[in-house]
Protein backbone atom coordinates (compact mmCIF):
# COMPACT_ATOMS: atom_id res chain seq x y z
CA MET A 1 12.53 12.94 3.44
CA ILE A 2 9.79 10.42 4.16
CA ASN A 3 10.74 7.74 6.69
CA LYS A 4 7.31 6.69 7.96
CA GLY A 5 4.57 4.72 6.28
CA ILE A 6 0.97 3.75 7.02
CA ILE A 7 -0.75 0.65 5.69
CA LEU A 8 -4.53 0.93 5.86
CA ALA A 9 -5.59 -2.68 6.34
CA GLY A 10 -9.07 -2.16 7.74
CA GLY A 11 -12.36 -2.10 5.89
CA SER A 12 -15.18 -4.61 5.81
CA GLY A 13 -14.19 -6.39 2.57
CA THR A 14 -17.82 -6.92 1.62
CA ARG A 15 -16.99 -7.47 -2.06
CA LEU A 16 -15.01 -10.56 -1.03
CA SER A 17 -17.70 -12.00 1.23
CA PRO A 18 -18.14 -14.75 2.40
CA LEU A 19 -14.32 -15.13 2.46
CA THR A 20 -13.99 -12.03 4.64
CA LYS A 21 -16.57 -13.17 7.18
CA ALA A 22 -13.83 -15.18 8.87
CA VAL A 23 -10.56 -13.68 7.61
CA ASN A 24 -9.39 -10.10 7.07
CA LYS A 25 -9.03 -9.55 3.31
CA GLN A 26 -5.39 -8.49 3.71
CA LEU A 27 -4.63 -11.96 5.07
CA LEU A 28 -6.13 -13.74 2.07
CA PRO A 29 -3.59 -15.32 -0.31
CA ILE A 30 -2.13 -13.78 -3.43
CA TYR A 31 -0.58 -16.94 -4.84
CA ASP A 32 1.77 -18.19 -2.08
CA LYS A 33 1.82 -15.15 0.22
CA PRO A 34 -0.74 -13.19 2.25
CA LEU A 35 -1.97 -10.07 0.48
CA ILE A 36 -0.47 -7.84 3.19
CA PHE A 37 3.06 -8.88 2.12
CA TYR A 38 2.67 -6.94 -1.14
CA PRO A 39 1.93 -3.41 0.15
CA LEU A 40 4.41 -3.94 2.99
CA SER A 41 7.07 -4.85 0.43
CA ILE A 42 6.45 -1.57 -1.41
CA LEU A 43 7.18 0.47 1.72
CA MET A 44 10.29 -1.64 2.36
CA LEU A 45 11.47 -1.11 -1.22
CA ALA A 46 11.05 2.61 -0.53
CA ASN A 47 13.42 2.19 2.45
CA ILE A 48 10.67 3.00 4.93
CA LYS A 49 11.34 1.12 8.18
CA ASN A 50 8.85 2.75 10.57
CA ILE A 51 5.35 1.50 9.76
CA LEU A 52 1.88 1.85 11.26
CA MET A 53 -0.64 -0.86 10.42
CA ILE A 54 -4.28 0.21 10.79
CA VAL A 55 -6.55 -2.81 11.23
CA ASN A 56 -10.10 -3.79 12.20
CA PRO A 57 -11.13 -4.53 15.80
CA GLY A 58 -10.17 -8.05 16.83
CA GLN A 59 -7.61 -8.42 14.02
CA ILE A 60 -4.39 -7.23 15.65
CA GLU A 61 -3.38 -10.65 16.97
CA ASN A 62 -3.82 -12.20 13.51
CA PHE A 63 -1.45 -9.66 12.01
CA LYS A 64 0.99 -9.93 14.90
CA SER A 65 1.17 -13.72 14.56
CA LEU A 66 2.22 -13.21 10.94
CA LEU A 67 4.37 -10.07 11.08
CA GLY A 68 5.08 -9.47 14.76
CA ASP A 69 6.66 -6.12 15.52
CA GLY A 70 8.60 -6.23 12.26
CA LYS A 71 11.92 -7.12 13.87
CA ARG A 72 12.21 -10.24 11.66
CA PHE A 73 12.43 -7.90 8.67
CA GLY A 74 14.63 -5.27 10.30
CA ILE A 75 11.72 -2.81 10.54
CA LYS A 76 9.35 -1.53 13.21
CA ILE A 77 5.61 -2.21 12.94
CA GLN A 78 3.04 -0.60 15.22
CA TYR A 79 -0.69 -1.33 15.16
CA LYS A 80 -3.77 0.85 15.49
CA ILE A 81 -7.44 -0.13 15.51
CA GLN A 82 -9.94 1.54 13.19
CA LYS A 83 -13.26 0.89 14.93
CA LYS A 84 -15.26 1.35 11.76
CA PRO A 85 -14.45 2.36 8.15
CA LYS A 86 -14.41 6.17 7.98
CA GLY A 87 -12.54 6.75 4.74
CA LEU A 88 -8.91 6.69 3.66
CA ALA A 89 -8.09 10.13 5.07
CA ASP A 90 -9.08 8.83 8.51
CA ALA A 91 -5.73 7.04 8.53
CA PHE A 92 -3.96 10.35 9.18
CA ILE A 93 -6.31 11.28 12.00
CA LEU A 94 -5.82 7.88 13.63
CA GLY A 95 -2.08 8.03 12.92
CA LYS A 96 -1.49 11.54 14.30
CA SER A 97 0.64 10.38 17.25
CA PHE A 98 2.61 8.09 14.92
CA ILE A 99 3.25 10.75 12.27
CA LYS A 100 4.13 13.53 14.73
CA ARG A 101 6.13 16.13 12.77
CA ASP A 102 7.26 13.84 9.99
CA ASN A 103 6.19 13.36 6.39
CA VAL A 104 4.41 10.10 5.67
CA ALA A 105 3.50 7.60 2.95
CA LEU A 106 0.16 5.80 2.76
CA ILE A 107 -0.53 2.56 0.93
CA LEU A 108 -3.79 0.65 0.88
CA GLY A 109 -3.55 -2.88 2.20
CA ASP A 110 -5.43 -4.37 -0.75
CA ASN A 111 -3.37 -2.76 -3.52
CA PHE A 112 -0.82 -4.65 -5.62
CA PHE A 113 2.01 -2.86 -7.43
CA TYR A 114 4.70 -4.26 -9.69
CA GLY A 115 7.15 -2.72 -12.13
CA GLN A 116 10.82 -2.63 -12.98
CA SER A 117 11.11 1.14 -12.59
CA LEU A 118 8.88 1.32 -9.51
CA THR A 119 11.75 1.46 -7.02
CA ASP A 120 13.25 4.49 -8.78
CA LYS A 121 9.89 6.27 -8.68
CA LEU A 122 9.52 5.45 -4.99
CA GLU A 123 12.95 6.86 -4.18
CA LYS A 124 12.11 10.02 -6.11
CA SER A 125 8.90 10.45 -4.12
CA LEU A 126 10.70 10.01 -0.79
CA THR A 127 12.77 13.15 -1.32
CA HIS A 128 9.69 15.25 -2.14
CA ASN A 129 9.38 17.22 1.11
CA LYS A 130 6.58 19.64 0.21
CA GLY A 131 3.04 18.87 -0.84
CA ALA A 132 1.62 15.51 -1.86
CA ARG A 133 2.43 13.02 -4.59
CA ILE A 134 0.06 10.49 -6.14
CA PHE A 135 0.66 7.56 -8.47
CA LEU A 136 -1.48 7.36 -11.59
CA LYS A 137 -2.14 4.41 -13.88
CA ASN A 138 -4.04 4.09 -17.16
CA VAL A 139 -7.15 1.94 -16.74
CA LYS A 140 -9.82 0.60 -19.04
CA LYS A 141 -12.78 1.60 -16.83
CA PRO A 142 -11.95 4.91 -15.13
CA GLU A 143 -15.53 5.27 -13.93
CA ASN A 144 -14.68 2.74 -11.20
CA PHE A 145 -11.91 4.84 -9.68
CA GLY A 146 -10.86 8.26 -8.52
CA VAL A 147 -9.52 9.93 -11.66
CA ALA A 148 -7.10 12.79 -12.33
CA LYS A 149 -7.13 15.03 -15.40
CA ILE A 150 -3.69 16.23 -16.45
CA VAL A 151 -3.15 19.35 -18.58
CA ASN A 152 0.40 20.51 -19.41
CA LYS A 153 1.78 18.10 -16.80
CA LYS A 154 -0.37 19.66 -14.06
CA ILE A 155 -3.32 18.14 -12.24
CA LYS A 156 -6.35 20.20 -13.28
CA LYS A 157 -9.18 18.10 -11.91
CA ILE A 158 -9.84 15.17 -9.58
CA VAL A 159 -13.14 13.33 -9.68
CA GLU A 160 -14.26 10.28 -7.71
CA LYS A 161 -15.85 7.65 -9.98
CA PRO A 162 -16.80 10.13 -12.73
CA LYS A 163 -20.09 9.53 -14.54
CA LYS A 164 -18.75 11.43 -17.55
CA TYR A 165 -15.32 10.78 -19.05
CA ILE A 166 -12.57 12.92 -17.49
CA SER A 167 -9.48 10.85 -18.31
CA ASN A 168 -8.33 7.26 -18.01
CA LEU A 169 -5.73 8.04 -15.32
CA ALA A 170 -6.81 6.31 -12.12
CA ILE A 171 -5.46 7.39 -8.74
CA THR A 172 -3.85 4.31 -7.22
CA GLY A 173 -3.66 3.46 -3.53
CA LEU A 174 -0.14 4.82 -2.98
CA TYR A 175 0.40 8.36 -1.68
CA PHE A 176 3.20 10.51 -0.25
CA PHE A 177 2.36 13.51 1.95
CA ASP A 178 4.12 16.27 3.81
CA ASN A 179 3.26 16.90 7.47
CA ASN A 180 0.31 19.15 6.60
CA VAL A 181 -1.66 15.97 5.92
CA VAL A 182 -2.75 15.69 9.56
CA LYS A 183 -4.03 19.26 9.71
CA TYR A 184 -5.77 18.99 6.35
CA SER A 185 -7.37 15.64 7.23
CA LYS A 186 -8.74 16.96 10.51
CA SER A 187 -10.36 19.85 8.61
CA LEU A 188 -12.28 17.54 6.25
CA LYS A 189 -16.03 17.15 6.49
CA LEU A 190 -17.71 13.78 6.31
CA SER A 191 -18.99 12.95 2.83
CA LYS A 192 -22.43 11.60 1.96
CA ARG A 193 -20.94 8.17 2.63
CA LYS A 194 -20.04 9.36 6.17
CA GLU A 195 -16.35 9.07 5.36
CA PHE A 196 -13.31 11.33 5.20
CA GLU A 197 -12.54 11.05 1.51
CA ILE A 198 -8.98 10.90 0.17
CA VAL A 199 -10.15 12.79 -2.94
CA ASP A 200 -11.21 15.74 -0.77
CA LEU A 201 -7.80 15.68 0.89
CA LEU A 202 -6.02 15.65 -2.47
CA LYS A 203 -8.15 18.57 -3.64
CA LYS A 204 -6.89 20.65 -0.70
CA TYR A 205 -3.31 20.07 -1.83
CA ASN A 206 -4.20 20.69 -5.46
CA LYS A 207 -5.88 24.00 -4.63
CA LYS A 208 -2.55 25.15 -3.19
CA ASN A 209 -0.65 23.83 -6.25
CA LYS A 210 1.03 21.29 -4.01
CA LEU A 211 -0.22 18.08 -5.61
CA PHE A 212 2.12 16.25 -7.96
CA ALA A 213 1.74 13.12 -10.07
CA GLU A 214 3.95 10.13 -10.77
CA PHE A 215 2.99 7.74 -13.55
CA ILE A 216 3.10 3.95 -13.53
CA GLY A 217 4.00 3.24 -17.13
CA ARG A 218 3.02 0.47 -19.50
CA GLY A 219 5.67 -1.81 -18.00
CA GLY A 220 4.15 -1.54 -14.54
CA ALA A 221 1.15 -3.21 -12.97
CA TRP A 222 -1.39 -2.02 -10.44
CA LEU A 223 -4.33 -4.03 -9.17
CA ASP A 224 -6.97 -3.22 -6.59
CA THR A 225 -7.68 -6.67 -5.16
CA GLY A 226 -10.99 -5.71 -3.57
CA SER A 227 -13.06 -8.14 -5.66
CA ILE A 228 -12.76 -11.89 -6.10
CA ASN A 229 -11.91 -11.53 -9.80
CA ASP A 230 -9.14 -9.03 -9.04
CA LEU A 231 -7.82 -11.28 -6.27
CA TYR A 232 -7.68 -14.19 -8.71
CA ASP A 233 -6.05 -12.05 -11.43
CA ALA A 234 -3.34 -10.89 -9.03
CA SER A 235 -2.64 -14.48 -7.95
CA SER A 236 -2.39 -15.61 -11.56
CA PHE A 237 -0.07 -12.68 -12.37
CA VAL A 238 2.29 -13.48 -9.47
CA SER A 239 2.22 -17.20 -10.21
CA ALA A 240 3.11 -16.68 -13.87
CA LEU A 241 5.97 -14.28 -13.15
CA GLU A 242 7.49 -16.23 -10.28
CA ASN A 243 7.37 -19.57 -12.06
CA ARG A 244 8.84 -18.07 -15.24
CA GLN A 245 11.61 -16.06 -13.57
CA GLY A 246 12.40 -18.17 -10.51
CA LEU A 247 12.29 -14.98 -8.42
CA LYS A 248 9.73 -14.07 -5.79
CA ILE A 249 7.65 -10.91 -5.71
CA ALA A 250 7.23 -9.36 -2.23
CA CYS A 251 9.64 -11.66 -0.42
CA LEU A 252 10.06 -9.50 2.67
CA GLU A 253 13.18 -11.26 3.94
CA GLU A 254 14.91 -10.91 0.57
CA ILE A 255 14.21 -7.15 0.51
CA ALA A 256 15.42 -6.78 4.09
CA LEU A 257 18.61 -8.74 3.34
CA SER A 258 19.26 -6.68 0.21
CA ASN A 259 18.79 -3.46 2.21
CA GLY A 260 21.23 -4.69 4.86
CA TRP A 261 18.55 -4.70 7.57
CA ILE A 262 18.95 -8.40 8.46
CA ASN A 263 21.62 -11.05 8.02
CA LYS A 264 21.63 -14.65 6.79
CA SER A 265 21.26 -15.97 10.33
CA GLN A 266 17.92 -14.19 10.56
CA ILE A 267 16.91 -15.71 7.23
CA ARG A 268 17.55 -19.16 8.74
CA SER A 269 15.32 -18.24 11.68
CA ALA A 270 12.62 -17.21 9.23
CA ILE A 271 12.85 -20.61 7.53
CA LYS A 272 12.12 -22.25 10.88
CA PHE A 273 9.23 -19.85 11.45
CA TYR A 274 7.52 -20.68 8.13
CA GLY A 275 8.26 -24.40 8.23
CA LYS A 276 8.41 -26.70 5.21
CA CYS A 277 6.92 -24.81 2.27
CA ASN A 278 7.86 -23.32 -1.08
CA TYR A 279 8.47 -19.92 0.51
CA SER A 280 11.04 -21.48 2.88
CA ASN A 281 12.66 -23.29 -0.04
CA TYR A 282 13.15 -19.93 -1.73
CA LEU A 283 14.66 -18.45 1.44
CA LYS A 284 17.11 -21.36 1.59
CA LYS A 285 18.52 -20.23 -1.76
CA LEU A 286 19.29 -16.82 -0.23
CA VAL A 287 21.59 -18.27 2.44
CA LYS A 288 23.52 -20.76 0.30
């Protein structure tokens, strides 16, 4: 069972410059909420309450002013500094003392997921105690992503940004690992980019036939919000859905209340924390 999660919220965010010269990209808005709310909501939907947030130097206080220690949401958030970007697999090296002997989930702080069946897929992944599980999504331009080739429901090949067509199944920024992830990550060699690559880590699992795939179907959405166009597209997507349905995506307090982690009194405290805004108006509906 996986009960711990890591959000990798570091990185330089150069593709979003000059916005990221002053603000961490995970604190930029996706419609009416900071980007970091969306990956955090995914871990909460997966019933993961113990979370490590890996951030850039000098950014911890910004995240703490927004999220605190997680108590407002009935969860526990710890923070760790990544001095410089060293690849996604570096999260498990930095998070060794947090992970200890447990299995762990990793989600990238700039990834956006949405889908009606997503919660069921998350719950299925939580009970997967051996090996690693990745989430795949069909994309139009696979050459921009890490890609997996599937043959007879098995992962046969993983290629980072393939120059030749392998498949159109991109590896998204959501992963579930058993406790071997720390040992495997520490054994990785730095790539040409001087980073510990997540693809190399996945290949270690795949070589042992311990890498499994979950698919985000046509009814689900996944966006990497690392560019300004993707950030805008995600905002437009959330705006359209929320205004059509009258329901909020990634409302952390609503998820926590639904999970029984907080009560309505804590929702009222959250309303005071946010002040007069549309987000608070939505929270007011939850306590009526």
